[in-house]
């Protein structure tokens, strides 16, 4: 079982030698150079990963809630994923516009926080 203070979710991989399945934590990182937020499967190397958008070395692991929730709103999870997809593609204005529209339609604290964080990062 995966555990850890900033664990988001776990991914499995098979050990090629023994055929055992292992759980690996997935962490969220933010790049200090370009502000990109991305996910990385932990490899146990201990070194922060390079930013996939700009190649920057100044990345930090973000504290994130576990991906498995007792009570969830599937709409909120889809909104969060779509915003992350826009950000991964470098479409910051599209992510902000989508988050604002979602905020007006979905009354969720999480959606509000996502939209607020985007505005904070972009200065709008």
Protein backbone atom coordinates (compact mmCIF):
# COMPACT_ATOMS: atom_id res chain seq x y z
CA UNK A 1 0.00 0.00 0.00
CA UNK A 2 1.26 3.50 -0.81
CA UNK A 3 1.50 6.05 1.94
CA UNK A 4 3.11 9.39 2.51
CA UNK A 5 2.21 12.95 3.46
CA UNK A 6 1.95 14.31 -0.08
CA UNK A 7 0.94 11.15 -1.87
CA UNK A 8 -1.64 11.71 -4.59
CA UNK A 9 -2.24 8.22 -5.86
CA UNK A 10 -0.34 5.07 -6.66
CA UNK A 11 0.60 3.40 -9.89
CA UNK A 12 1.65 -0.22 -10.31
CA UNK A 13 4.46 -1.69 -12.33
CA UNK A 14 5.66 -5.25 -12.71
CA UNK A 15 9.14 -6.24 -11.62
CA UNK A 16 10.64 -7.83 -14.73
CA UNK A 17 12.78 -10.26 -12.73
CA UNK A 18 10.24 -11.61 -10.27
CA UNK A 19 6.92 -10.66 -11.81
CA UNK A 20 5.88 -8.93 -8.58
CA UNK A 21 3.68 -5.88 -8.67
CA UNK A 22 4.86 -2.80 -6.81
CA UNK A 23 2.96 0.37 -5.99
CA UNK A 24 4.64 3.66 -6.82
CA UNK A 25 3.42 7.03 -5.55
CA UNK A 26 2.59 9.82 -8.01
CA UNK A 27 3.55 13.33 -6.90
CA UNK A 28 2.63 16.79 -8.19
CA UNK A 29 5.51 19.18 -8.93
CA UNK A 30 5.63 22.86 -9.85
CA UNK A 31 8.36 24.51 -11.92
CA UNK A 32 9.74 27.75 -10.45
CA UNK A 33 10.88 28.91 -13.91
CA UNK A 34 7.66 28.60 -15.95
CA UNK A 35 4.99 27.82 -13.31
CA UNK A 36 4.01 24.53 -14.96
CA UNK A 37 2.37 21.92 -12.71
CA UNK A 38 3.03 18.29 -13.60
CA UNK A 39 2.87 14.76 -12.18
CA UNK A 40 5.77 12.34 -11.73
CA UNK A 41 5.80 8.70 -10.67
CA UNK A 42 8.30 8.52 -7.81
CA UNK A 43 11.45 6.64 -8.75
CA UNK A 44 13.16 6.77 -5.38
CA UNK A 45 16.11 8.75 -6.80
CA UNK A 46 15.58 11.63 -4.40
CA UNK A 47 16.37 14.29 -7.01
CA UNK A 48 13.63 16.69 -8.15
CA UNK A 49 12.61 16.00 -11.76
CA UNK A 50 13.22 18.39 -14.63
CA UNK A 51 10.23 20.37 -15.87
CA UNK A 52 8.74 18.67 -18.95
CA UNK A 53 7.63 22.05 -20.36
CA UNK A 54 10.81 24.13 -20.16
CA UNK A 55 13.47 21.72 -18.90
CA UNK A 56 13.96 23.83 -15.77
CA UNK A 57 15.75 22.33 -12.80
CA UNK A 58 14.00 24.43 -10.15
CA UNK A 59 11.03 22.18 -9.37
CA UNK A 60 9.42 21.52 -6.01
CA UNK A 61 7.02 18.86 -4.85
CA UNK A 62 3.58 20.18 -3.98
CA UNK A 63 1.47 19.05 -1.09
CA UNK A 64 -1.57 17.38 -2.59
CA UNK A 65 -4.59 15.52 -1.33
CA UNK A 66 -4.86 11.80 -2.04
CA UNK A 67 -6.57 10.98 -5.33
CA UNK A 68 -8.83 8.47 -3.61
CA UNK A 69 -11.52 10.24 -1.67
CA UNK A 70 -14.32 8.83 0.44
CA UNK A 71 -16.78 11.31 -0.99
CA UNK A 72 -16.09 12.72 -4.42
CA UNK A 73 -17.79 14.71 -7.08
CA UNK A 74 -16.89 13.17 -10.45
CA UNK A 75 -17.51 16.51 -12.16
CA UNK A 76 -14.89 18.24 -10.01
CA UNK A 77 -12.31 15.55 -10.76
CA UNK A 78 -12.96 15.92 -14.50
CA UNK A 79 -12.64 19.70 -14.23
CA UNK A 80 -9.33 19.37 -12.39
CA UNK A 81 -8.01 16.93 -15.01
CA UNK A 82 -9.04 19.16 -17.91
CA UNK A 83 -7.37 22.21 -16.34
CA UNK A 84 -4.18 20.17 -15.81
CA UNK A 85 -4.32 19.00 -19.43
CA UNK A 86 -4.58 22.61 -20.64
CA UNK A 87 -1.62 23.55 -18.45
CA UNK A 88 0.46 20.61 -19.68
CA UNK A 89 -0.19 21.80 -23.25
CA UNK A 90 0.88 25.35 -22.29
CA UNK A 91 -2.64 26.74 -22.83
CA UNK A 92 -2.78 28.89 -19.71
CA UNK A 93 -5.48 31.28 -21.00
CA UNK A 94 -7.68 28.31 -22.01
CA UNK A 95 -7.18 26.73 -18.56
CA UNK A 96 -8.14 30.01 -16.86
CA UNK A 97 -11.19 30.53 -19.08
CA UNK A 98 -12.34 26.94 -18.51
CA UNK A 99 -11.81 27.16 -14.73
CA UNK A 100 -13.79 30.42 -14.59
CA UNK A 101 -16.68 28.90 -16.54
CA UNK A 102 -16.59 25.77 -14.33
CA UNK A 103 -16.58 27.96 -11.21
CA UNK A 104 -19.75 29.72 -12.37
CA UNK A 105 -21.51 26.42 -13.07
CA UNK A 106 -20.23 24.12 -10.29
CA UNK A 107 -20.53 25.27 -6.70
CA UNK A 108 -17.49 23.49 -5.30
CA UNK A 109 -14.76 24.84 -3.04
CA UNK A 110 -12.18 22.83 -4.98
CA UNK A 111 -13.21 24.33 -8.33
CA UNK A 112 -13.08 27.79 -6.73
CA UNK A 113 -9.57 27.10 -5.40
CA UNK A 114 -8.42 25.89 -8.83
CA UNK A 115 -9.69 29.07 -10.51
CA UNK A 116 -8.23 31.29 -7.76
CA UNK A 117 -4.82 29.60 -8.02
CA UNK A 118 -4.77 30.09 -11.81
CA UNK A 119 -5.59 33.79 -11.41
CA UNK A 120 -2.91 34.10 -8.72
CA UNK A 121 -0.30 32.50 -11.00
CA UNK A 122 -1.23 34.52 -14.08
CA UNK A 123 -1.78 37.82 -12.27
CA UNK A 124 -5.30 38.26 -13.69
